Amino acid sequence: MSGVSKFEIVAEPAKCVGCLICSLRCSLRFEKAFNPMKAQIGIITYFDRDNEIFFRDQCDSCGTCARYCPYGALTFKEGQV
């Protein structure tokens, strides 16, 4: 992650349903468009195991993904917010 992290994001892939709301919100912040391919968070969806959640190098830990995750798959480290 580049620069100083604002938040530590905790990812719980078992809770991820692959809705991509986190990616959509992230891409809106970075690119001013809804495009998960341009987001700094990536989700790989599987049907037979937990999804994968990863952060790209340009992620600055702003917390947008965790704020908008409706399933609790992305949260802030306890005591940060």
N, C-alpha and C. Protein backbone atom coordinates (compact mmCIF):
# COMPACT_ATOMS: atom_id res chain seq x y z
N MET A 1 0.85 -1.18 0.00
CA MET A 1 0.00 0.00 0.00
C MET A 1 0.89 1.23 0.00
N SER A 2 0.52 2.19 -0.76
CA SER A 2 1.34 3.38 -0.87
C SER A 2 1.04 4.38 0.24
N GLY A 3 2.07 5.09 0.66
CA GLY A 3 1.87 6.14 1.66
C GLY A 3 1.51 5.58 3.02
N VAL A 4 1.02 6.46 3.86
CA VAL A 4 0.62 6.07 5.21
C VAL A 4 -0.83 5.61 5.18
N SER A 5 -1.07 4.44 5.73
CA SER A 5 -2.43 3.89 5.75
C SER A 5 -3.31 4.71 6.69
N LYS A 6 -4.52 4.98 6.24
CA LYS A 6 -5.48 5.68 7.07
C LYS A 6 -6.17 4.71 8.02
N PHE A 7 -6.51 3.53 7.51
CA PHE A 7 -7.21 2.52 8.29
C PHE A 7 -6.59 1.17 7.99
N GLU A 8 -6.72 0.27 8.94
CA GLU A 8 -6.39 -1.12 8.66
C GLU A 8 -7.70 -1.83 8.37
N ILE A 9 -7.81 -2.37 7.17
CA ILE A 9 -9.03 -3.04 6.74
C ILE A 9 -8.89 -4.54 7.01
N VAL A 10 -9.90 -5.11 7.64
CA VAL A 10 -9.92 -6.55 7.90
C VAL A 10 -10.84 -7.19 6.87
N ALA A 11 -10.30 -8.14 6.11
CA ALA A 11 -11.09 -8.85 5.10
C ALA A 11 -11.46 -10.23 5.62
N GLU A 12 -12.74 -10.56 5.50
CA GLU A 12 -13.25 -11.88 5.89
C GLU A 12 -13.91 -12.51 4.66
N PRO A 13 -13.11 -13.18 3.85
CA PRO A 13 -13.63 -13.75 2.60
C PRO A 13 -14.84 -14.66 2.76
N ALA A 14 -14.98 -15.33 3.90
CA ALA A 14 -16.13 -16.21 4.11
C ALA A 14 -17.45 -15.45 4.10
N LYS A 15 -17.42 -14.15 4.39
CA LYS A 15 -18.63 -13.33 4.39
C LYS A 15 -18.90 -12.65 3.05
N CYS A 16 -17.94 -12.70 2.14
CA CYS A 16 -18.07 -12.03 0.85
C CYS A 16 -19.00 -12.81 -0.07
N VAL A 17 -20.01 -12.12 -0.61
CA VAL A 17 -20.96 -12.76 -1.53
C VAL A 17 -20.68 -12.38 -2.98
N GLY A 18 -19.66 -11.57 -3.22
CA GLY A 18 -19.29 -11.20 -4.58
C GLY A 18 -20.17 -10.13 -5.19
N CYS A 19 -20.78 -9.29 -4.38
CA CYS A 19 -21.68 -8.25 -4.90
C CYS A 19 -20.94 -7.12 -5.61
N LEU A 20 -19.66 -6.93 -5.31
CA LEU A 20 -18.78 -5.93 -5.91
C LEU A 20 -19.11 -4.49 -5.53
N ILE A 21 -19.94 -4.30 -4.52
CA ILE A 21 -20.22 -2.93 -4.08
C ILE A 21 -18.93 -2.24 -3.65
N CYS A 22 -18.05 -2.97 -2.99
CA CYS A 22 -16.77 -2.38 -2.57
C CYS A 22 -15.97 -1.91 -3.78
N SER A 23 -15.92 -2.73 -4.82
CA SER A 23 -15.17 -2.38 -6.03
C SER A 23 -15.80 -1.21 -6.76
N LEU A 24 -17.11 -1.19 -6.80
CA LEU A 24 -17.81 -0.09 -7.47
C LEU A 24 -17.56 1.23 -6.76
N ARG A 25 -17.66 1.22 -5.42
CA ARG A 25 -17.43 2.45 -4.65
C ARG A 25 -15.97 2.89 -4.76
N CYS A 26 -15.06 1.94 -4.73
CA CYS A 26 -13.63 2.26 -4.85
C CYS A 26 -13.33 2.89 -6.22
N SER A 27 -13.84 2.28 -7.28
CA SER A 27 -13.58 2.82 -8.61
C SER A 27 -14.20 4.20 -8.78
N LEU A 28 -15.34 4.43 -8.16
CA LEU A 28 -15.94 5.76 -8.22
C LEU A 28 -15.02 6.78 -7.57
N ARG A 29 -14.43 6.42 -6.44
CA ARG A 29 -13.51 7.33 -5.75
C ARG A 29 -12.26 7.60 -6.60
N PHE A 30 -11.65 6.56 -7.14
CA PHE A 30 -10.40 6.72 -7.87
C PHE A 30 -10.58 7.19 -9.31
N GLU A 31 -11.62 6.71 -9.99
CA GLU A 31 -11.78 6.95 -11.43
C GLU A 31 -13.00 7.78 -11.80
N LYS A 32 -13.84 8.10 -10.81
CA LYS A 32 -15.08 8.84 -11.06
C LYS A 32 -16.00 8.10 -12.02
N ALA A 33 -15.94 6.77 -11.96
CA ALA A 33 -16.80 5.91 -12.78
C ALA A 33 -16.96 4.57 -12.08
N PHE A 34 -18.09 3.92 -12.30
CA PHE A 34 -18.32 2.60 -11.74
C PHE A 34 -17.68 1.57 -12.66
N ASN A 35 -16.49 1.10 -12.30
CA ASN A 35 -15.77 0.13 -13.10
C ASN A 35 -14.88 -0.71 -12.19
N PRO A 36 -15.33 -1.90 -11.78
CA PRO A 36 -14.56 -2.73 -10.86
C PRO A 36 -13.14 -3.04 -11.35
N MET A 37 -12.92 -3.03 -12.65
CA MET A 37 -11.58 -3.29 -13.18
C MET A 37 -10.61 -2.15 -12.84
N LYS A 38 -11.12 -0.98 -12.51
CA LYS A 38 -10.28 0.17 -12.17
C LYS A 38 -10.17 0.38 -10.66
N ALA A 39 -10.81 -0.48 -9.88
CA ALA A 39 -10.80 -0.35 -8.42
C ALA A 39 -9.46 -0.82 -7.86
N GLN A 40 -9.16 -0.37 -6.67
CA GLN A 40 -7.94 -0.78 -5.99
C GLN A 40 -8.16 -1.97 -5.07
N ILE A 41 -9.37 -2.48 -5.08
CA ILE A 41 -9.70 -3.73 -4.40
C ILE A 41 -10.19 -4.71 -5.46
N GLY A 42 -9.81 -5.95 -5.30
CA GLY A 42 -10.24 -6.97 -6.25
C GLY A 42 -10.95 -8.10 -5.53
N ILE A 43 -11.96 -8.63 -6.20
CA ILE A 43 -12.72 -9.75 -5.68
C ILE A 43 -12.73 -10.85 -6.73
N ILE A 44 -12.34 -12.04 -6.33
CA ILE A 44 -12.45 -13.20 -7.21
C ILE A 44 -13.52 -14.09 -6.61
N THR A 45 -14.56 -14.34 -7.39
CA THR A 45 -15.71 -15.09 -6.90
C THR A 45 -15.60 -16.56 -7.29
N TYR A 46 -15.84 -17.41 -6.30
CA TYR A 46 -15.85 -18.85 -6.51
C TYR A 46 -17.20 -19.39 -6.06
N PHE A 47 -17.59 -20.52 -6.61
CA PHE A 47 -18.83 -21.15 -6.21
C PHE A 47 -18.62 -22.29 -5.23
N ASP A 48 -17.39 -22.80 -5.17
CA ASP A 48 -17.12 -23.97 -4.34
C ASP A 48 -16.22 -23.69 -3.15
N ARG A 49 -15.87 -22.43 -2.93
CA ARG A 49 -15.05 -22.03 -1.78
C ARG A 49 -15.20 -20.55 -1.54
N ASP A 50 -14.57 -20.06 -0.48
CA ASP A 50 -14.67 -18.63 -0.16
C ASP A 50 -14.08 -17.78 -1.29
N ASN A 51 -14.68 -16.63 -1.50
CA ASN A 51 -14.16 -15.69 -2.48
C ASN A 51 -12.82 -15.15 -2.01
N GLU A 52 -12.04 -14.60 -2.93
CA GLU A 52 -10.78 -13.97 -2.59
C GLU A 52 -10.96 -12.46 -2.60
N ILE A 53 -10.35 -11.80 -1.63
CA ILE A 53 -10.36 -10.34 -1.54
C ILE A 53 -8.90 -9.90 -1.50
N PHE A 54 -8.53 -8.99 -2.39
CA PHE A 54 -7.15 -8.50 -2.39
C PHE A 54 -7.12 -7.02 -2.70
N PHE A 55 -6.04 -6.38 -2.29
CA PHE A 55 -5.87 -4.95 -2.49
C PHE A 55 -4.69 -4.71 -3.43
N ARG A 56 -4.87 -3.84 -4.39
CA ARG A 56 -3.81 -3.52 -5.35
C ARG A 56 -2.83 -2.52 -4.75
N ASP A 57 -1.71 -2.34 -5.40
CA ASP A 57 -0.63 -1.49 -4.89
C ASP A 57 -1.05 -0.04 -4.66
N GLN A 58 -1.99 0.47 -5.42
CA GLN A 58 -2.40 1.87 -5.29
C GLN A 58 -3.43 2.11 -4.19
N CYS A 59 -3.84 1.05 -3.51
CA CYS A 59 -4.78 1.21 -2.39
C CYS A 59 -4.14 2.06 -1.31
N ASP A 60 -4.87 3.08 -0.85
CA ASP A 60 -4.34 3.95 0.20
C ASP A 60 -5.08 3.75 1.53
N SER A 61 -5.81 2.67 1.64
CA SER A 61 -6.53 2.31 2.86
C SER A 61 -7.48 3.41 3.34
N CYS A 62 -8.19 3.99 2.40
CA CYS A 62 -9.12 5.07 2.75
C CYS A 62 -10.33 4.57 3.52
N GLY A 63 -10.67 3.29 3.35
CA GLY A 63 -11.80 2.71 4.07
C GLY A 63 -13.12 2.74 3.34
N THR A 64 -13.16 3.25 2.12
CA THR A 64 -14.41 3.31 1.36
C THR A 64 -15.02 1.93 1.21
N CYS A 65 -14.20 0.94 0.91
CA CYS A 65 -14.71 -0.41 0.71
C CYS A 65 -15.39 -0.94 1.97
N ALA A 66 -14.77 -0.74 3.12
CA ALA A 66 -15.33 -1.23 4.38
C ALA A 66 -16.60 -0.47 4.77
N ARG A 67 -16.63 0.82 4.49
CA ARG A 67 -17.82 1.61 4.83
C ARG A 67 -19.05 1.15 4.07
N TYR A 68 -18.86 0.68 2.85
CA TYR A 68 -20.01 0.33 2.01
C TYR A 68 -20.27 -1.16 1.88
N CYS A 69 -19.47 -2.02 2.52
CA CYS A 69 -19.70 -3.47 2.43
C CYS A 69 -20.93 -3.85 3.26
N PRO A 70 -22.02 -4.28 2.60
CA PRO A 70 -23.24 -4.58 3.34
C PRO A 70 -23.23 -5.94 4.05
N TYR A 71 -22.21 -6.75 3.80
CA TYR A 71 -22.19 -8.10 4.35
C TYR A 71 -21.15 -8.30 5.45
N GLY A 72 -20.40 -7.27 5.77
CA GLY A 72 -19.40 -7.39 6.83
C GLY A 72 -18.14 -8.12 6.42
N ALA A 73 -17.93 -8.30 5.13
CA ALA A 73 -16.72 -8.97 4.66
C ALA A 73 -15.50 -8.05 4.77
N LEU A 74 -15.73 -6.75 4.79
CA LEU A 74 -14.67 -5.76 4.96
C LEU A 74 -15.04 -4.87 6.13
N THR A 75 -14.19 -4.84 7.11
CA THR A 75 -14.44 -4.03 8.29
C THR A 75 -13.16 -3.31 8.70
N PHE A 76 -13.30 -2.38 9.61
CA PHE A 76 -12.14 -1.69 10.16
C PHE A 76 -11.60 -2.48 11.33
N LYS A 77 -10.28 -2.46 11.50
CA LYS A 77 -9.69 -3.11 12.65
C LYS A 77 -10.33 -2.53 13.90
N GLU A 78 -10.61 -3.37 14.87
CA GLU A 78 -11.29 -2.96 16.09
C GLU A 78 -10.61 -1.75 16.71
N GLY A 79 -11.43 -0.77 17.11
CA GLY A 79 -10.95 0.42 17.77
C GLY A 79 -10.55 1.56 16.84
N GLN A 80 -10.65 1.37 15.52
CA GLN A 80 -10.26 2.43 14.60
C GLN A 80 -11.38 3.40 14.28
N VAL A 81 -12.59 2.95 14.29
CA VAL A 81 -13.70 3.83 13.90
C VAL A 81 -14.75 3.82 14.99
